[in-house]
């Protein structure tokens, strides 16, 4: 699944267009490397999202086949501190 779609489906970022632009600005990395929106994710990848002055890290646990419900969204990743 593409990075921008995963961010939207998992609800880490609410809109795919926002996920796209954040990735294009270089504020999202996968496994320590800057990632474009089309980056293909796999289970075990570490996503880092840079917010104002904080970097949040998430480990991909599940790659869904399509859209998921709001209740299931948080099961797709694990937050790493």
N, C-alpha and C. Protein backbone atom coordinates (compact mmCIF):
# COMPACT_ATOMS: atom_id res chain seq x y z
N UNK A 1 0.85 -1.18 0.00
CA UNK A 1 0.00 0.00 0.00
C UNK A 1 0.89 1.24 0.00
N UNK A 2 0.48 2.24 -0.73
CA UNK A 2 1.21 3.49 -0.80
C UNK A 2 1.23 4.18 0.56
N UNK A 3 2.30 4.92 0.83
CA UNK A 3 2.45 5.65 2.08
C UNK A 3 1.30 6.62 2.32
N UNK A 4 0.96 7.43 1.32
CA UNK A 4 -0.09 8.43 1.51
C UNK A 4 -1.44 7.77 1.81
N UNK A 5 -1.72 6.67 1.16
CA UNK A 5 -2.99 5.97 1.42
C UNK A 5 -2.99 5.35 2.82
N UNK A 6 -1.86 4.77 3.24
CA UNK A 6 -1.78 4.19 4.58
C UNK A 6 -1.99 5.25 5.65
N UNK A 7 -1.37 6.41 5.47
CA UNK A 7 -1.53 7.49 6.45
C UNK A 7 -2.99 7.91 6.57
N UNK A 8 -3.71 7.92 5.46
CA UNK A 8 -5.12 8.30 5.46
C UNK A 8 -5.99 7.19 6.06
N UNK A 9 -5.78 5.94 5.62
CA UNK A 9 -6.59 4.81 6.09
C UNK A 9 -6.40 4.59 7.59
N UNK A 10 -5.16 4.74 8.06
CA UNK A 10 -4.87 4.54 9.48
C UNK A 10 -5.26 5.74 10.32
N UNK A 11 -5.63 6.82 9.65
CA UNK A 11 -6.04 8.07 10.28
C UNK A 11 -4.92 8.75 11.07
N UNK A 12 -3.68 8.47 10.68
CA UNK A 12 -2.56 9.24 11.23
C UNK A 12 -2.60 10.65 10.68
N UNK A 13 -3.04 10.78 9.42
CA UNK A 13 -3.31 12.06 8.78
C UNK A 13 -4.70 11.94 8.16
N UNK A 14 -5.54 12.91 8.38
CA UNK A 14 -6.96 12.79 8.05
C UNK A 14 -7.29 12.76 6.56
N UNK A 15 -6.51 13.45 5.73
CA UNK A 15 -6.82 13.51 4.30
C UNK A 15 -5.62 13.06 3.48
N UNK A 16 -5.90 12.37 2.40
CA UNK A 16 -4.82 11.87 1.55
C UNK A 16 -4.05 13.00 0.89
N UNK A 17 -4.73 14.07 0.53
CA UNK A 17 -4.03 15.20 -0.09
C UNK A 17 -3.05 15.85 0.89
N UNK A 18 -3.45 15.90 2.16
CA UNK A 18 -2.56 16.44 3.19
C UNK A 18 -1.37 15.49 3.38
N UNK A 19 -1.63 14.19 3.42
CA UNK A 19 -0.55 13.20 3.53
C UNK A 19 0.42 13.34 2.36
N UNK A 20 -0.13 13.57 1.19
CA UNK A 20 0.68 13.75 -0.02
C UNK A 20 1.60 14.96 0.12
N UNK A 21 1.03 16.10 0.51
CA UNK A 21 1.83 17.32 0.60
C UNK A 21 2.85 17.26 1.73
N UNK A 22 2.50 16.65 2.85
CA UNK A 22 3.44 16.52 3.96
C UNK A 22 4.62 15.64 3.54
N UNK A 23 4.34 14.58 2.81
CA UNK A 23 5.41 13.70 2.32
C UNK A 23 6.29 14.44 1.32
N UNK A 24 5.68 15.19 0.42
CA UNK A 24 6.45 15.94 -0.57
C UNK A 24 7.36 17.00 0.07
N UNK A 25 6.95 17.53 1.22
CA UNK A 25 7.76 18.53 1.92
C UNK A 25 8.91 17.88 2.68
N UNK A 26 8.99 16.55 2.69
CA UNK A 26 10.09 15.86 3.36
C UNK A 26 9.89 15.70 4.85
N UNK A 27 8.65 15.78 5.32
CA UNK A 27 8.38 15.69 6.75
C UNK A 27 7.97 14.28 7.19
N UNK A 28 7.99 13.33 6.24
CA UNK A 28 7.68 11.94 6.55
C UNK A 28 8.83 11.08 6.08
N UNK A 29 9.28 10.17 6.95
CA UNK A 29 10.34 9.24 6.55
C UNK A 29 9.92 7.82 6.90
N UNK A 30 10.44 6.89 6.13
CA UNK A 30 10.19 5.46 6.36
C UNK A 30 11.55 4.79 6.56
N UNK A 31 11.70 4.13 7.69
CA UNK A 31 12.96 3.45 8.04
C UNK A 31 14.15 4.40 7.96
N UNK A 32 13.95 5.64 8.37
CA UNK A 32 15.04 6.61 8.44
C UNK A 32 15.34 7.35 7.15
N UNK A 33 14.64 7.03 6.07
CA UNK A 33 14.87 7.69 4.78
C UNK A 33 13.65 8.51 4.40
N UNK A 34 13.88 9.71 3.88
CA UNK A 34 12.78 10.54 3.41
C UNK A 34 11.97 9.77 2.39
N UNK A 35 10.64 9.86 2.50
CA UNK A 35 9.77 9.03 1.65
C UNK A 35 8.80 9.87 0.84
N UNK A 36 8.64 9.50 -0.40
CA UNK A 36 7.65 10.11 -1.28
C UNK A 36 6.29 9.47 -1.03
N UNK A 37 5.20 10.11 -1.44
CA UNK A 37 3.86 9.57 -1.20
C UNK A 37 3.64 8.19 -1.82
N UNK A 38 4.32 7.86 -2.91
CA UNK A 38 4.12 6.58 -3.59
C UNK A 38 4.94 5.44 -3.00
N UNK A 39 5.71 5.69 -1.95
CA UNK A 39 6.53 4.66 -1.31
C UNK A 39 5.64 3.50 -0.89
N UNK A 40 6.00 2.29 -1.29
CA UNK A 40 5.25 1.09 -0.91
C UNK A 40 5.67 0.65 0.49
N UNK A 41 4.69 0.50 1.37
CA UNK A 41 4.96 0.09 2.74
C UNK A 41 4.82 -1.42 2.88
N UNK A 42 5.51 -1.96 3.90
CA UNK A 42 5.35 -3.36 4.25
C UNK A 42 5.29 -3.46 5.77
N UNK A 43 4.82 -4.58 6.27
CA UNK A 43 4.71 -4.79 7.71
C UNK A 43 6.11 -4.68 8.32
N UNK A 44 6.20 -3.97 9.43
CA UNK A 44 7.46 -3.79 10.12
C UNK A 44 8.16 -2.48 9.82
N UNK A 45 7.72 -1.75 8.80
CA UNK A 45 8.31 -0.45 8.49
C UNK A 45 8.07 0.54 9.63
N UNK A 46 9.02 1.43 9.83
CA UNK A 46 8.91 2.48 10.85
C UNK A 46 8.66 3.80 10.13
N UNK A 47 7.52 4.43 10.44
CA UNK A 47 7.16 5.71 9.84
C UNK A 47 7.42 6.80 10.86
N UNK A 48 8.12 7.86 10.45
CA UNK A 48 8.35 9.02 11.30
C UNK A 48 7.66 10.22 10.67
N UNK A 49 6.80 10.88 11.45
CA UNK A 49 6.10 12.07 10.95
C UNK A 49 6.54 13.25 11.80
N UNK A 50 7.07 14.28 11.14
CA UNK A 50 7.54 15.48 11.84
C UNK A 50 6.41 16.49 11.94
N UNK A 51 6.03 16.77 13.17
CA UNK A 51 5.06 17.83 13.42
C UNK A 51 5.84 19.06 13.85
N UNK A 52 5.19 20.09 14.34
CA UNK A 52 5.83 21.38 14.60
C UNK A 52 7.23 21.26 15.20
N UNK A 53 7.36 20.68 16.36
CA UNK A 53 8.68 20.53 16.98
C UNK A 53 8.84 19.14 17.56
N UNK A 54 8.09 18.19 17.04
CA UNK A 54 8.09 16.84 17.59
C UNK A 54 8.05 15.83 16.45
N UNK A 55 8.74 14.71 16.64
CA UNK A 55 8.69 13.63 15.66
C UNK A 55 7.99 12.44 16.29
N UNK A 56 6.91 12.00 15.66
CA UNK A 56 6.17 10.82 16.12
C UNK A 56 6.57 9.63 15.29
N UNK A 57 6.80 8.49 15.96
CA UNK A 57 7.21 7.27 15.27
C UNK A 57 6.12 6.22 15.41
N UNK A 58 5.90 5.49 14.31
CA UNK A 58 4.89 4.43 14.29
C UNK A 58 5.46 3.22 13.56
N UNK A 59 5.15 2.03 14.08
CA UNK A 59 5.53 0.78 13.43
C UNK A 59 4.30 0.21 12.73
N UNK A 60 4.44 -0.13 11.46
CA UNK A 60 3.33 -0.69 10.68
C UNK A 60 3.12 -2.14 11.12
N UNK A 61 1.92 -2.46 11.60
CA UNK A 61 1.59 -3.81 12.03
C UNK A 61 0.80 -4.59 10.99
N UNK A 62 -0.09 -3.90 10.27
CA UNK A 62 -0.96 -4.54 9.29
C UNK A 62 -1.09 -3.62 8.08
N UNK A 63 -1.04 -4.22 6.90
CA UNK A 63 -1.34 -3.49 5.67
C UNK A 63 -2.73 -3.93 5.23
N UNK A 64 -3.73 -3.04 5.33
CA UNK A 64 -5.10 -3.43 4.98
C UNK A 64 -5.30 -3.55 3.47
N UNK A 65 -6.29 -4.32 3.08
CA UNK A 65 -6.61 -4.47 1.66
C UNK A 65 -7.34 -3.25 1.11
N UNK A 66 -8.12 -2.59 1.93
CA UNK A 66 -8.88 -1.41 1.49
C UNK A 66 -9.08 -0.48 2.67
N UNK A 67 -10.22 0.17 2.69
CA UNK A 67 -10.54 1.05 3.80
C UNK A 67 -10.91 0.24 5.03
N UNK A 68 -10.69 0.84 6.20
CA UNK A 68 -11.05 0.20 7.46
C UNK A 68 -11.90 1.15 8.28
N UNK A 69 -12.60 0.60 9.26
CA UNK A 69 -13.44 1.44 10.11
C UNK A 69 -12.58 2.25 11.08
N UNK A 70 -13.19 3.24 11.68
CA UNK A 70 -12.49 4.09 12.64
C UNK A 70 -11.96 3.26 13.80
N UNK A 71 -12.73 2.29 14.25
CA UNK A 71 -12.33 1.44 15.37
C UNK A 71 -11.11 0.58 15.01
N UNK A 72 -11.02 0.14 13.77
CA UNK A 72 -9.92 -0.72 13.34
C UNK A 72 -8.66 0.06 12.99
N UNK A 73 -8.79 1.34 12.73
CA UNK A 73 -7.66 2.14 12.25
C UNK A 73 -6.46 2.09 13.19
N UNK A 74 -6.70 2.15 14.48
CA UNK A 74 -5.59 2.18 15.44
C UNK A 74 -4.89 0.82 15.57
N UNK A 75 -5.46 -0.24 15.01
CA UNK A 75 -4.82 -1.55 15.07
C UNK A 75 -3.81 -1.75 13.94
N UNK A 76 -3.73 -0.82 13.01
CA UNK A 76 -2.84 -0.94 11.88
C UNK A 76 -1.40 -0.57 12.22
N UNK A 77 -1.19 0.13 13.33
CA UNK A 77 0.14 0.61 13.70
C UNK A 77 0.30 0.59 15.21
N UNK A 78 1.56 0.72 15.62
CA UNK A 78 1.89 0.81 17.04
C UNK A 78 2.76 2.05 17.20
N UNK A 79 2.43 2.88 18.17
CA UNK A 79 3.21 4.09 18.41
C UNK A 79 4.48 3.72 19.16
N UNK A 80 5.60 4.26 18.70
CA UNK A 80 6.91 4.01 19.33
C UNK A 80 7.37 5.30 19.97
N UNK A 81 7.84 5.20 21.19
CA UNK A 81 8.32 6.41 21.89
C UNK A 81 9.82 6.52 21.80
